[in-house]
C-alpha atoms as a PDB file:
ATOM      1  CA  MET A   1      89.552 177.035 192.740  1.00  0.00           C
ATOM      2  CA  PRO A   2      91.098 177.773 188.926  1.00  0.00           C
ATOM      3  CA  GLU A   3      92.499 174.680 187.524  1.00  0.00           C
ATOM      4  CA  VAL A   4      96.474 174.985 187.415  1.00  0.00           C
ATOM      5  CA  LEU A   5      97.755 174.626 183.722  1.00  0.00           C
ATOM      6  CA  SER A   6     100.857 173.027 182.838  1.00  0.00           C
ATOM      7  CA  PRO A   7     103.190 173.461 179.993  1.00  0.00           C
ATOM      8  CA  PHE A   8     104.690 171.405 177.659  1.00  0.00           C
ATOM      9  CA  VAL A   9     107.949 170.340 178.610  1.00  0.00           C
ATOM     10  CA  TYR A  10     111.434 168.814 176.819  1.00  0.00           C
ATOM     11  CA  TRP A  11     113.698 166.514 178.389  1.00  0.00           C
ATOM     12  CA  ALA A  12     116.703 165.059 177.100  1.00  0.00           C
ATOM     13  CA  GLN A  13     120.202 163.538 178.789  1.00  0.00           C
ATOM     14  CA  THR A  14     123.519 163.416 178.331  1.00  0.00           C
ATOM     15  CA  GLU A  15     125.440 161.071 180.822  1.00  0.00           C
ATOM     16  CA  SER A  16     126.231 163.861 183.239  1.00  0.00           C
ATOM     17  CA  ASN A  17     123.769 166.399 182.701  1.00  0.00           C
ATOM     18  CA  LEU A  18     120.049 166.638 182.423  1.00  0.00           C
ATOM     19  CA  THR A  19     118.212 169.470 180.324  1.00  0.00           C
ATOM     20  CA  LEU A  20     114.859 170.633 180.033  1.00  0.00           C
ATOM     21  CA  LYS A  21     112.921 173.022 177.672  1.00  0.00           C
ATOM     22  CA  VAL A  22     109.801 174.212 178.611  1.00  0.00           C
ATOM     23  CA  ASP A  23     107.671 175.357 176.369  1.00  0.00           C
ATOM     24  CA  LEU A  24     106.698 179.309 177.122  1.00  0.00           C
ATOM     25  CA  LYS A  25     106.810 182.822 175.632  1.00  0.00           C
ATOM     26  CA  ASP A  26     107.447 185.866 177.209  1.00  0.00           C
ATOM     27  CA  VAL A  27     107.986 184.533 180.807  1.00  0.00           C
ATOM     28  CA  LYS A  28     108.904 187.496 183.199  1.00  0.00           C
ATOM     29  CA  ASN A  29     110.281 186.324 186.748  1.00  0.00           C
ATOM     30  CA  PRO A  30     109.432 182.769 186.676  1.00  0.00           C
ATOM     31  CA  ASP A  31     109.518 180.854 190.338  1.00  0.00           C
ATOM     32  CA  VAL A  32     111.855 178.381 190.583  1.00  0.00           C
ATOM     33  CA  HIS A  33     112.580 175.600 193.435  1.00  0.00           C
ATOM     34  CA  LEU A  34     115.312 173.080 192.769  1.00  0.00           C
ATOM     35  CA  GLU A  35     115.857 170.203 195.397  1.00  0.00           C
ATOM     36  CA  ASN A  36     117.933 166.933 195.048  1.00  0.00           C
ATOM     37  CA  LYS A  37     115.557 164.879 193.248  1.00  0.00           C
ATOM     38  CA  LYS A  38     112.535 167.415 192.797  1.00  0.00           C
ATOM     39  CA  LEU A  39     111.676 170.421 190.811  1.00  0.00           C
ATOM     40  CA  GLN A  40     109.178 173.052 191.006  1.00  0.00           C
ATOM     41  CA  PHE A  41     108.254 175.151 188.291  1.00  0.00           C
ATOM     42  CA  GLY A  42     106.024 178.318 187.870  1.00  0.00           C
ATOM     43  CA  ALA A  43     105.427 181.379 185.812  1.00  0.00           C
ATOM     44  CA  GLN A  44     103.248 183.550 183.119  1.00  0.00           C
ATOM     45  CA  GLY A  45     103.150 183.352 179.886  1.00  0.00           C
ATOM     46  CA  TYR A  46     101.806 182.374 176.739  1.00  0.00           C
ATOM     47  CA  GLY A  47     101.676 178.197 176.364  1.00  0.00           C
ATOM     48  CA  ALA A  48      99.320 175.882 174.496  1.00  0.00           C
ATOM     49  CA  ARG A  49      96.082 177.799 176.314  1.00  0.00           C
ATOM     50  CA  GLY A  50      97.604 181.346 175.468  1.00  0.00           C
ATOM     51  CA  LEU A  51      98.265 183.804 178.573  1.00  0.00           C
ATOM     52  CA  ASN A  52      97.693 182.274 181.932  1.00  0.00           C
ATOM     53  CA  LYS A  53      99.581 181.487 184.652  1.00  0.00           C
ATOM     54  CA  TYR A  54     101.534 178.041 184.033  1.00  0.00           C
ATOM     55  CA  ALA A  55     103.328 175.654 186.814  1.00  0.00           C
ATOM     56  CA  PHE A  56     104.567 172.031 187.196  1.00  0.00           C
ATOM     57  CA  THR A  57     106.379 169.577 189.895  1.00  0.00           C
ATOM     58  CA  LEU A  58     108.941 166.892 188.372  1.00  0.00           C
ATOM     59  CA  ASP A  59     110.062 164.718 191.277  1.00  0.00           C
ATOM     60  CA  PHE A  60     113.410 163.238 189.195  1.00  0.00           C
ATOM     61  CA  HIS A  61     114.468 159.474 189.038  1.00  0.00           C
ATOM     62  CA  SER A  62     117.687 160.171 190.647  1.00  0.00           C
ATOM     63  CA  ALA A  63     119.380 162.694 192.339  1.00  0.00           C
ATOM     64  CA  ILE A  64     120.942 166.355 190.993  1.00  0.00           C
ATOM     65  CA  ASP A  65     123.185 168.650 191.922  1.00  0.00           C
ATOM     66  CA  PRO A  66     121.142 171.895 192.519  1.00  0.00           C
ATOM     67  CA  GLU A  67     124.439 174.534 193.059  1.00  0.00           C
ATOM     68  CA  GLU A  68     125.919 173.150 189.734  1.00  0.00           C
ATOM     69  CA  SER A  69     122.731 172.881 187.502  1.00  0.00           C
ATOM     70  CA  HIS A  70     121.001 176.528 186.424  1.00  0.00           C
ATOM     71  CA  TYR A  71     118.623 178.240 184.137  1.00  0.00           C
ATOM     72  CA  LYS A  72     118.288 181.050 181.397  1.00  0.00           C
ATOM     73  CA  VAL A  73     114.748 182.679 180.204  1.00  0.00           C
ATOM     74  CA  TYR A  74     114.568 183.111 176.563  1.00  0.00           C
ATOM     75  CA  ASP A  75     111.443 184.860 174.653  1.00  0.00           C
ATOM     76  CA  ARG A  76     110.229 181.909 173.447  1.00  0.00           C
ATOM     77  CA  ASN A  77     111.229 179.070 176.352  1.00  0.00           C
ATOM     78  CA  VAL A  78     113.157 178.224 179.595  1.00  0.00           C
ATOM     79  CA  ASP A  79     115.898 175.780 179.539  1.00  0.00           C
ATOM     80  CA  PHE A  80     117.362 174.245 182.178  1.00  0.00           C
ATOM     81  CA  THR A  81     120.898 172.168 182.167  1.00  0.00           C
ATOM     82  CA  LEU A  82     121.163 170.088 185.465  1.00  0.00           C
ATOM     83  CA  LYS A  83     123.786 168.829 186.770  1.00  0.00           C
ATOM     84  CA  LYS A  84     123.998 164.968 187.871  1.00  0.00           C
ATOM     85  CA  LYS A  85     125.150 164.013 191.157  1.00  0.00           C
ATOM     86  CA  GLU A  86     126.146 160.632 189.331  1.00  0.00           C
ATOM     87  CA  SER A  87     127.500 160.175 185.965  1.00  0.00           C
ATOM     88  CA  GLY A  88     124.809 157.959 184.122  1.00  0.00           C
ATOM     89  CA  TRP A  89     122.360 157.484 181.804  1.00  0.00           C
ATOM     90  CA  TRP A  90     118.624 157.331 183.299  1.00  0.00           C
ATOM     91  CA  PRO A  91     116.361 154.439 182.227  1.00  0.00           C
ATOM     92  CA  ARG A  92     113.230 157.523 182.277  1.00  0.00           C
ATOM     93  CA  ILE A  93     113.366 161.104 183.967  1.00  0.00           C
ATOM     94  CA  THR A  94     110.752 160.618 186.739  1.00  0.00           C
ATOM     95  CA  GLY A  95     110.903 158.117 189.677  1.00  0.00           C
ATOM     96  CA  MET A  96     107.720 156.662 188.439  1.00  0.00           C
ATOM     97  CA  PRO A  97     107.246 154.801 185.388  1.00  0.00           C
ATOM     98  CA  GLN A  98     104.593 156.516 184.768  1.00  0.00           C
ATOM     99  CA  LYS A  99     105.072 159.835 182.952  1.00  0.00           C
ATOM    100  CA  PRO A 100     102.810 162.878 182.792  1.00  0.00           C
ATOM    101  CA  ALA A 101     101.109 164.010 179.703  1.00  0.00           C
ATOM    102  CA  TRP A 102     103.000 167.003 178.967  1.00  0.00           C
ATOM    103  CA  LEU A 103     106.199 165.554 179.208  1.00  0.00           C
ATOM    104  CA  LYS A 104     108.003 165.055 176.344  1.00  0.00           C
ATOM    105  CA  ILE A 105     111.386 164.275 174.484  1.00  0.00           C
ATOM    106  CA  ASP A 106     113.559 166.486 172.701  1.00  0.00           C
ATOM    107  CA  PHE A 107     114.773 164.652 170.089  1.00  0.00           C
ATOM    108  CA  ASP A 108     116.860 168.028 168.722  1.00  0.00           C
ATOM    109  CA  ARG A 109     119.103 167.372 172.043  1.00  0.00           C
ATOM    110  CA  TRP A 110     118.139 164.116 172.592  1.00  0.00           C
ATOM    111  CA  LYS A 111     121.453 161.094 172.619  1.00  0.00           C
ATOM    112  CA  SER A 112     121.422 157.375 173.660  1.00  0.00           C
ATOM    113  CA  GLU A 113     123.743 155.055 175.403  1.00  0.00           C
ATOM    114  CA  GLU A 114     124.418 153.776 171.827  1.00  0.00           C
ATOM    115  CA  ASP A 115     124.814 157.051 170.276  1.00  0.00           C
ATOM    116  CA  VAL A 116     127.795 158.370 172.161  1.00  0.00           C
ATOM    117  CA  GLU A 117     129.391 155.034 171.739  1.00  0.00           C
ATOM    118  CA  ASP A 118     129.449 156.046 168.039  1.00  0.00           C
ATOM    119  CA  ASP A 119     130.756 159.222 168.515  1.00  0.00           C
ATOM    120  CA  ASP A 120     133.618 158.728 170.268  1.00  0.00           C
ATOM    121  CA  GLU A 121     134.247 155.726 167.988  1.00  0.00           C
ATOM    122  CA  SER A 122     136.789 157.365 165.328  1.00  0.00           C
ATOM    123  CA  ARG A 123     136.024 156.750 161.874  1.00  0.00           C
ATOM    124  CA  ASP A 124     138.820 156.322 159.080  1.00  0.00           C
ATOM    125  CA  ILE A 125     137.933 156.681 155.712  1.00  0.00           C
ATOM    126  CA  MET A 126     141.302 155.152 154.368  1.00  0.00           C
ATOM    127  CA  GLU A 127     140.492 152.242 156.388  1.00  0.00           C
ATOM    128  CA  ASP A 128     136.492 152.029 154.963  1.00  0.00           C
ATOM    129  CA  TYR A 129     136.908 152.418 152.004  1.00  0.00           C
ATOM    130  CA  PRO A 130     140.768 152.037 150.996  1.00  0.00           C
ATOM    131  CA  ASN A 131     140.739 151.674 147.526  1.00  0.00           C
ATOM    132  CA  MET A 132     138.634 154.027 146.611  1.00  0.00           C
ATOM    133  CA  TYR A 133     140.675 156.370 148.699  1.00  0.00           C
ATOM    134  CA  ASN A 134     143.627 155.609 146.976  1.00  0.00           C
ATOM    135  CA  LYS A 135     142.172 156.248 143.463  1.00  0.00           C
ATOM    136  CA  LEU A 136     140.933 159.311 144.727  1.00  0.00           C
ATOM    137  CA  GLU A 137     144.192 160.420 145.923  1.00  0.00           C
ATOM    138  CA  LYS A 138     146.381 159.448 142.972  1.00  0.00           C
ATOM    139  CA  GLU A 139     143.787 161.218 140.769  1.00  0.00           C
ATOM    140  CA  GLU A 140     144.034 164.001 142.879  1.00  0.00           C
ATOM    141  CA  LEU A 141     147.496 164.614 143.575  1.00  0.00           C
ATOM    142  CA  GLY A 142     149.392 162.278 141.328  1.00  0.00           C
ATOM    143  CA  TYR A 143     151.672 158.972 142.554  1.00  0.00           C
ATOM    144  CA  LYS A 144     152.794 159.166 146.248  1.00  0.00           C
ATOM    145  CA  ARG A 145     156.093 158.064 147.688  1.00  0.00           C
ATOM    146  CA  GLU A 146     154.365 154.279 148.500  1.00  0.00           C
ATOM    147  CA  SER A 147     153.690 153.564 144.571  1.00  0.00           C
ATOM    148  CA  ILE A 148     158.075 153.243 144.462  1.00  0.00           C
ATOM    149  CA  GLU A 149     157.290 150.101 145.674  1.00  0.00           C
ATOM    150  CA  GLY A 150     154.970 148.831 142.580  1.00  0.00           C
ATOM    151  CA  THR A 151     157.187 150.389 139.721  1.00  0.00           C
ATOM    152  CA  TYR A 152     158.431 146.767 138.846  1.00  0.00           C
ATOM    153  CA  GLU A 153     154.562 145.404 138.997  1.00  0.00           C
ATOM    154  CA  ALA A 154     153.193 148.473 137.173  1.00  0.00           C
ATOM    155  CA  VAL A 155     155.789 148.748 133.755  1.00  0.00           C
ATOM    156  CA  GLY A 156     157.800 146.235 134.202  1.00  0.00           C
ATOM    157  CA  GLY A 157     156.145 144.303 131.512  1.00  0.00           C
ATOM    158  CA  PRO A 158     156.579 147.317 129.309  1.00  0.00           C
ATOM    159  CA  MET A 159     160.238 148.392 129.731  1.00  0.00           C
ATOM    160  CA  LYS A 160     160.935 144.465 129.214  1.00  0.00           C
ATOM    161  CA  PHE A 161     159.571 144.775 125.941  1.00  0.00           C
ATOM    162  CA  CYS A 162     161.193 148.329 124.967  1.00  0.00           C
ATOM    163  CA  GLN A 163     164.491 146.739 126.004  1.00  0.00           C
ATOM    164  CA  LEU A 164     163.749 143.689 123.501  1.00  0.00           C
ATOM    165  CA  MET A 165     163.112 146.264 120.741  1.00  0.00           C
ATOM    166  CA  GLN A 166     166.427 147.787 121.425  1.00  0.00           C
ATOM    167  CA  PHE A 167     168.285 144.683 119.805  1.00  0.00           C
ATOM    168  CA  LEU A 168     166.940 146.586 116.150  1.00  0.00           C
ATOM    169  CA  GLU A 169     169.773 148.840 117.316  1.00  0.00           C
ATOM    170  CA  VAL A 170     172.382 145.949 116.714  1.00  0.00           C
ATOM    171  CA  MET A 171     170.538 144.642 113.648  1.00  0.00           C
ATOM    172  CA  HIS A 172     170.054 148.047 111.425  1.00  0.00           C
ATOM    173  CA  PRO A 173     173.827 148.385 111.236  1.00  0.00           C
ATOM    174  CA  MET A 174     174.589 144.864 110.901  1.00  0.00           C
ATOM    175  CA  PHE A 175     172.430 144.579 107.921  1.00  0.00           C
ATOM    176  CA  GLY A 176     173.285 148.244 106.217  1.00  0.00           C
ATOM    177  CA  TYR A 177     170.363 150.093 106.949  1.00  0.00           C
ATOM    178  CA  THR A 178     171.998 152.438 109.254  1.00  0.00           C
ATOM    179  CA  LYS A 179     175.711 153.807 109.361  1.00  0.00           C
ATOM    180  CA  GLY A 180     178.209 153.217 112.141  1.00  0.00           C
ATOM    181  CA  GLY A 181     179.658 150.057 114.090  1.00  0.00           C
ATOM    182  CA  PHE A 182     177.331 147.279 116.020  1.00  0.00           C
ATOM    183  CA  VAL A 183     179.333 147.078 118.486  1.00  0.00           C
ATOM    184  CA  VAL A 184     178.768 149.833 120.562  1.00  0.00           C
ATOM    185  CA  PRO A 185     175.050 149.399 120.915  1.00  0.00           C
ATOM    186  CA  LEU A 186     175.685 145.573 121.500  1.00  0.00           C
ATOM    187  CA  LEU A 187     177.326 146.602 124.836  1.00  0.00           C
ATOM    188  CA  GLN A 188     174.758 148.669 125.954  1.00  0.00           C
ATOM    189  CA  VAL A 189     171.599 146.876 125.147  1.00  0.00           C
ATOM    190  CA  LEU A 190     173.526 143.468 126.581  1.00  0.00           C
ATOM    191  CA  GLY A 191     174.487 145.293 129.211  1.00  0.00           C
ATOM    192  CA  ARG A 192     171.164 146.359 130.757  1.00  0.00           C
ATOM    193  CA  SER A 193     169.000 142.938 129.532  1.00  0.00           C
ATOM    194  CA  ILE A 194     171.487 141.169 131.486  1.00  0.00           C
ATOM    195  CA  ILE A 195     170.611 143.794 134.680  1.00  0.00           C
ATOM    196  CA  LEU A 196     166.593 143.500 133.727  1.00  0.00           C
ATOM    197  CA  PHE A 197     165.957 139.990 132.577  1.00  0.00           C
ATOM    198  CA  CYS A 198     168.606 138.127 134.959  1.00  0.00           C
ATOM    199  CA  MET A 199     169.234 140.522 138.202  1.00  0.00           C
ATOM    200  CA  ILE A 200     165.650 141.777 138.713  1.00  0.00           C
ATOM    201  CA  ASP A 201     162.978 139.743 136.687  1.00  0.00           C
ATOM    202  CA  ALA A 202     164.954 136.469 137.694  1.00  0.00           C
ATOM    203  CA  GLU A 203     164.993 138.029 141.501  1.00  0.00           C
ATOM    204  CA  PRO A 204     161.187 138.813 143.048  1.00  0.00           C
ATOM    205  CA  ARG A 205     162.758 140.196 146.243  1.00  0.00           C
ATOM    206  CA  MET A 206     163.949 142.920 144.041  1.00  0.00           C
ATOM    207  CA  HIS A 207     160.831 143.987 142.580  1.00  0.00           C
ATOM    208  CA  THR A 208     159.486 146.105 145.762  1.00  0.00           C
ATOM    209  CA  LYS A 209     162.870 147.724 145.949  1.00  0.00           C
ATOM    210  CA  PRO A 210     163.037 151.509 145.274  1.00  0.00           C
ATOM    211  CA  VAL A 211     166.420 151.287 143.257  1.00  0.00           C
ATOM    212  CA  ILE A 212     163.924 150.031 140.316  1.00  0.00           C
ATOM    213  CA  PHE A 213     162.185 152.961 140.086  1.00  0.00           C
ATOM    214  CA  TYR A 214     165.250 155.211 140.057  1.00  0.00           C
ATOM    215  CA  LEU A 215     166.929 152.799 137.268  1.00  0.00           C
ATOM    216  CA  PHE A 216     163.889 152.585 135.396  1.00  0.00           C
ATOM    217  CA  LEU A 217     163.602 156.545 135.457  1.00  0.00           C
ATOM    218  CA  ILE A 218     167.213 156.936 134.313  1.00  0.00           C
ATOM    219  CA  TRP A 219     167.223 154.312 131.520  1.00  0.00           C
ATOM    220  CA  SER A 220     164.225 156.841 130.423  1.00  0.00           C
ATOM    221  CA  ILE A 221     165.739 159.689 131.060  1.00  0.00           C
ATOM    222  CA  VAL A 222     169.056 158.669 128.969  1.00  0.00           C
ATOM    223  CA  GLU A 223     166.777 157.262 125.921  1.00  0.00           C
ATOM    224  CA  LEU A 224     164.734 160.514 125.569  1.00  0.00           C
ATOM    225  CA  VAL A 225     168.057 162.395 125.513  1.00  0.00           C
ATOM    226  CA  ARG A 226     169.246 160.390 122.955  1.00  0.00           C
ATOM    227  CA  LYS A 227     166.695 160.053 120.546  1.00  0.00           C
ATOM    228  CA  ASN A 228     165.694 163.368 120.584  1.00  0.00           C
ATOM    229  CA  GLY A 229     169.667 163.869 119.870  1.00  0.00           C
ATOM    230  CA  THR A 230     169.504 161.586 116.714  1.00  0.00           C
ATOM    231  CA  LYS A 231     165.775 163.052 115.795  1.00  0.00           C
ATOM    232  CA  LEU A 232     167.750 166.462 115.548  1.00  0.00           C
ATOM    233  CA  SER A 233     170.819 165.015 113.614  1.00  0.00           C
ATOM    234  CA  LEU A 234     168.349 163.527 111.177  1.00  0.00           C
ATOM    235  CA  GLU A 235     166.559 166.475 110.568  1.00  0.00           C
ATOM    236  CA  ASN A 236     169.727 168.354 109.933  1.00  0.00           C
ATOM    237  CA  ARG A 237     170.892 165.753 107.936  1.00  0.00           C
ATOM    238  CA  ILE A 238     168.089 165.634 105.856  1.00  0.00           C
ATOM    239  CA  GLU A 239     167.952 169.975 104.885  1.00  0.00           C
ATOM    240  CA  ASP A 240     171.350 170.123 104.073  1.00  0.00           C
ATOM    241  CA  GLN A 241     170.610 167.038 101.674  1.00  0.00           C
ATOM    242  CA  ASP A 242     167.558 169.556 100.185  1.00  0.00           C
ATOM    243  CA  LEU A 243     169.919 172.271 100.402  1.00  0.00           C
ATOM    244  CA  HIS A 244     172.613 170.821  98.119  1.00  0.00           C
ATOM    245  CA  THR A 245     169.813 169.408  95.616  1.00  0.00           C
ATOM    246  CA  TYR A 246     168.056 172.650  95.216  1.00  0.00           C
ATOM    247  CA  GLN A 247     171.931 174.106  94.448  1.00  0.00           C
ATOM    248  CA  LYS A 248     172.499 171.410  91.710  1.00  0.00           C
ATOM    249  CA  THR A 249     169.053 172.465  90.229  1.00  0.00           C
ATOM    250  CA  ALA A 250     169.299 175.957  90.229  1.00  0.00           C
ATOM    251  CA  ALA A 251     173.174 175.432  88.513  1.00  0.00           C
ATOM    252  CA  SER A 252     171.411 173.032  85.461  1.00  0.00           C
ATOM    253  CA  LYS A 253     168.392 175.645  85.065  1.00  0.00           C
ATOM    254  CA  PHE A 254     171.270 178.719  85.020  1.00  0.00           C
ATOM    255  CA  THR A 255     173.400 176.757  82.539  1.00  0.00           C
ATOM    256  CA  ALA A 256     170.981 175.588  80.194  1.00  0.00           C
ATOM    257  CA  LYS A 257     169.721 179.367  79.983  1.00  0.00           C
ATOM    258  CA  ASN A 258     173.269 180.358  78.879  1.00  0.00           C
ATOM    259  CA  THR A 259     173.642 177.301  76.307  1.00  0.00           C
ATOM    260  CA  ALA A 260     169.902 178.827  74.638  1.00  0.00           C
ATOM    261  CA  GLN A 261     171.264 182.574  74.494  1.00  0.00           C
ATOM    262  CA  HIS A 262     174.331 181.648  72.866  1.00  0.00           C
ATOM    263  CA  ILE A 263     172.908 179.330  70.180  1.00  0.00           C
ATOM    264  CA  ILE A 264     170.236 182.228  69.552  1.00  0.00           C
ATOM    265  CA  MET A 265     173.047 184.684  69.730  1.00  0.00           C
ATOM    266  CA  LYS A 266     175.516 182.454  67.227  1.00  0.00           C
ATOM    267  CA  PHE A 267     171.930 182.100  65.176  1.00  0.00           C
ATOM    268  CA  LEU A 268     171.506 186.341  64.842  1.00  0.00           C
ATOM    269  CA  ASN A 269     174.843 186.923  63.863  1.00  0.00           C
ATOM    270  CA  THR A 270     174.603 184.256  60.794  1.00  0.00           C
ATOM    271  CA  SER A 271     170.908 185.142  59.680  1.00  0.00           C
ATOM    272  CA  VAL A 272     170.068 188.594  60.658  1.00  0.00           C
ATOM    273  CA  PRO A 273     170.721 191.535  58.681  1.00  0.00           C
ATOM    274  CA  LEU A 274     173.391 194.051  60.539  1.00  0.00           C
ATOM    275  CA  SER A 275     170.263 196.709  60.633  1.00  0.00           C
ATOM    276  CA  ASP A 276     167.887 193.893  62.250  1.00  0.00           C
ATOM    277  CA  ARG A 277     170.231 192.486  64.903  1.00  0.00           C
ATOM    278  CA  ARG A 278     169.843 194.966  67.800  1.00  0.00           C
ATOM    279  CA  GLU A 279     166.563 194.630  67.716  1.00  0.00           C
ATOM    280  CA  TYR A 280     166.197 190.969  67.346  1.00  0.00           C
ATOM    281  CA  ASN A 281     169.375 190.596  69.728  1.00  0.00           C
ATOM    282  CA  THR A 282     167.257 192.355  72.744  1.00  0.00           C
ATOM    283  CA  ASN A 283     163.803 190.525  71.851  1.00  0.00           C
ATOM    284  CA  TRP A 284     165.223 187.462  71.681  1.00  0.00           C
ATOM    285  CA  THR A 285     167.729 187.464  74.620  1.00  0.00           C
ATOM    286  CA  LEU A 286     164.147 188.626  76.595  1.00  0.00           C
ATOM    287  CA  ALA A 287     162.884 185.663  75.531  1.00  0.00           C
ATOM    288  CA  ALA A 288     165.577 183.556  76.415  1.00  0.00           C
ATOM    289  CA  TRP A 289     165.634 184.599  79.952  1.00  0.00           C
ATOM    290  CA  LEU A 290     162.026 184.417  80.565  1.00  0.00           C
END
């Protein structure tokens, strides 16, 4: 009686299905009998012993649904997808604790109950790495709307320092460093200081209000416009002073040249003979202009 060869069979399961992969190549018209708790398979193909007739019988641990189960023949293997009658995880595929040597685990498809629980558990990167995610989002997208609440904590100190420095605008006209009165700058600086130090800094509940963000933004924009206007006005004043100085210098040089020419002409009229005056006059005039 010829020896019955068994192919390698790889199995895996999910909570509702059982999968089998029969390692046989070039299988044609396999003989398959599927019952509630048994699978019989026989076919000719290329297996571990080359081209031969291979067969196996597998008794399942629990019942399956033959009508909902199916198989498909491929060039390199035969795949079975078997539907469990009752959903659940089987401790083993066979009814007996000892499994055949040709039956192996399909690690490519293998899943356990713990793996499914891990897959079902939703992971949120914002909860797992909150600091890293917020830093990355800030670098890529800039500050978000939620950052408005932390405005005072982030820039409150620099804003208070800048506000104290604005008292120099009151002191400069008082000491004569700049022109103009000190009353208007004093009212402006005092008003902002009362708002910043007495109404905001002294009340911690105001630190997280959105109005702080908009107030600091408006103050900053006003100062940018005002300082740039002052800078342009100062540059225009310097240009006017430079132009006036240049005109005075040019007029002085022109007056000096006229005076020198007048002295030379007077000298020629009194000291040079009449026949040579025209030549001397021309030469000295050119020398005076040069």
